[in-house]
């Protein structure tokens, strides 16, 4: 008998709602994601996020049964607006 380990859509939704990715994804409308069940005995899924241009946003290793992210990486830098907001302060400091 096969045991259900959830679905890719469920895992993507869990990772996207996490504090790690929530704001990052909100700032990038049209993002896409894919997930696959790693098949390991811990039930860990890998989720990968991309922006509309196909650039890597980040990834997460997710346990749907535990409802948590175990590892992640976000490859997102600061936006131009964020850079402008701190530029003066940084230059004054230097």
Protein backbone atom coordinates (compact mmCIF):
# COMPACT_ATOMS: atom_id res chain seq x y z
CA UNK A 1 0.00 0.00 0.00
CA UNK A 2 1.42 3.39 -1.01
CA UNK A 3 1.50 6.16 1.56
CA UNK A 4 0.59 9.63 0.34
CA UNK A 5 3.37 12.14 0.93
CA UNK A 6 1.36 15.14 -0.29
CA UNK A 7 1.55 17.00 -3.56
CA UNK A 8 3.90 19.44 -5.23
CA UNK A 9 1.25 22.18 -5.02
CA UNK A 10 0.94 21.72 -1.25
CA UNK A 11 4.68 21.87 -0.74
CA UNK A 12 5.09 24.96 -2.95
CA UNK A 13 2.30 26.72 -1.03
CA UNK A 14 3.97 25.90 2.30
CA UNK A 15 7.37 27.18 1.18
CA UNK A 16 5.91 30.29 -0.48
CA UNK A 17 4.03 31.23 2.71
CA UNK A 18 7.13 30.89 4.89
CA UNK A 19 8.76 34.03 6.35
CA UNK A 20 11.84 33.21 4.28
CA UNK A 21 10.11 33.51 0.90
CA UNK A 22 6.83 35.37 1.52
CA UNK A 23 8.12 38.92 0.98
CA UNK A 24 10.66 37.90 -1.65
CA UNK A 25 7.94 36.33 -3.79
CA UNK A 26 5.48 39.16 -3.15
CA UNK A 27 8.02 41.56 -4.65
CA UNK A 28 8.27 39.40 -7.79
CA UNK A 29 4.80 38.97 -9.30
CA UNK A 30 4.52 36.13 -11.76
CA UNK A 31 7.11 33.91 -10.05
CA UNK A 32 7.01 30.21 -10.78
CA UNK A 33 7.99 27.15 -8.81
CA UNK A 34 8.45 23.42 -9.13
CA UNK A 35 8.76 20.75 -6.47
CA UNK A 36 9.70 17.13 -6.36
CA UNK A 37 9.56 14.48 -3.67
CA UNK A 38 13.14 13.43 -2.98
CA UNK A 39 11.90 9.97 -2.04
CA UNK A 40 14.03 9.84 1.09
CA UNK A 41 12.79 8.26 4.30
CA UNK A 42 12.27 11.69 5.92
CA UNK A 43 9.66 12.85 3.40
CA UNK A 44 11.66 15.88 2.28
CA UNK A 45 10.59 17.73 -0.86
CA UNK A 46 12.76 20.18 -2.83
CA UNK A 47 11.06 23.37 -4.01
CA UNK A 48 12.70 25.66 -6.56
CA UNK A 49 11.52 29.25 -7.26
CA UNK A 50 12.16 31.39 -10.39
CA UNK A 51 11.19 34.91 -11.38
CA UNK A 52 9.35 35.76 -14.61
CA UNK A 53 12.62 35.89 -16.54
CA UNK A 54 13.64 32.42 -15.36
CA UNK A 55 16.24 33.71 -12.92
CA UNK A 56 16.73 31.62 -9.80
CA UNK A 57 15.05 33.07 -6.70
CA UNK A 58 15.92 30.25 -4.34
CA UNK A 59 15.15 26.78 -3.11
CA UNK A 60 13.86 25.08 0.02
CA UNK A 61 13.87 21.56 1.46
CA UNK A 62 10.42 21.09 2.95
CA UNK A 63 8.67 18.52 5.12
CA UNK A 64 4.97 18.63 4.42
CA UNK A 65 4.17 16.29 7.31
CA UNK A 66 6.11 18.48 9.77
CA UNK A 67 5.00 21.72 8.09
CA UNK A 68 8.46 23.25 8.07
CA UNK A 69 11.46 24.18 5.97
CA UNK A 70 14.68 22.42 6.93
CA UNK A 71 17.12 24.10 4.57
CA UNK A 72 16.87 26.95 2.08
CA UNK A 73 18.74 29.48 0.05
CA UNK A 74 17.47 32.75 -1.32
CA UNK A 75 19.44 34.16 -4.25
CA UNK A 76 17.82 37.56 -4.18
CA UNK A 77 19.74 40.78 -3.86
CA UNK A 78 18.45 44.19 -2.92
CA UNK A 79 16.13 46.04 -5.28
CA UNK A 80 17.19 49.37 -6.81
CA UNK A 81 14.80 51.11 -4.43
CA UNK A 82 16.38 49.39 -1.43
CA UNK A 83 19.87 50.26 -2.62
CA UNK A 84 18.92 53.92 -3.10
CA UNK A 85 17.40 54.08 0.38
CA UNK A 86 20.66 53.06 2.10
CA UNK A 87 23.26 54.45 -0.30
CA UNK A 88 23.69 57.79 1.49
CA UNK A 89 24.03 56.19 4.91
CA UNK A 90 26.62 53.71 3.68
CA UNK A 91 28.68 56.37 1.89
CA UNK A 92 28.60 58.58 5.00
CA UNK A 93 29.81 55.65 7.08
CA UNK A 94 32.66 54.84 4.72
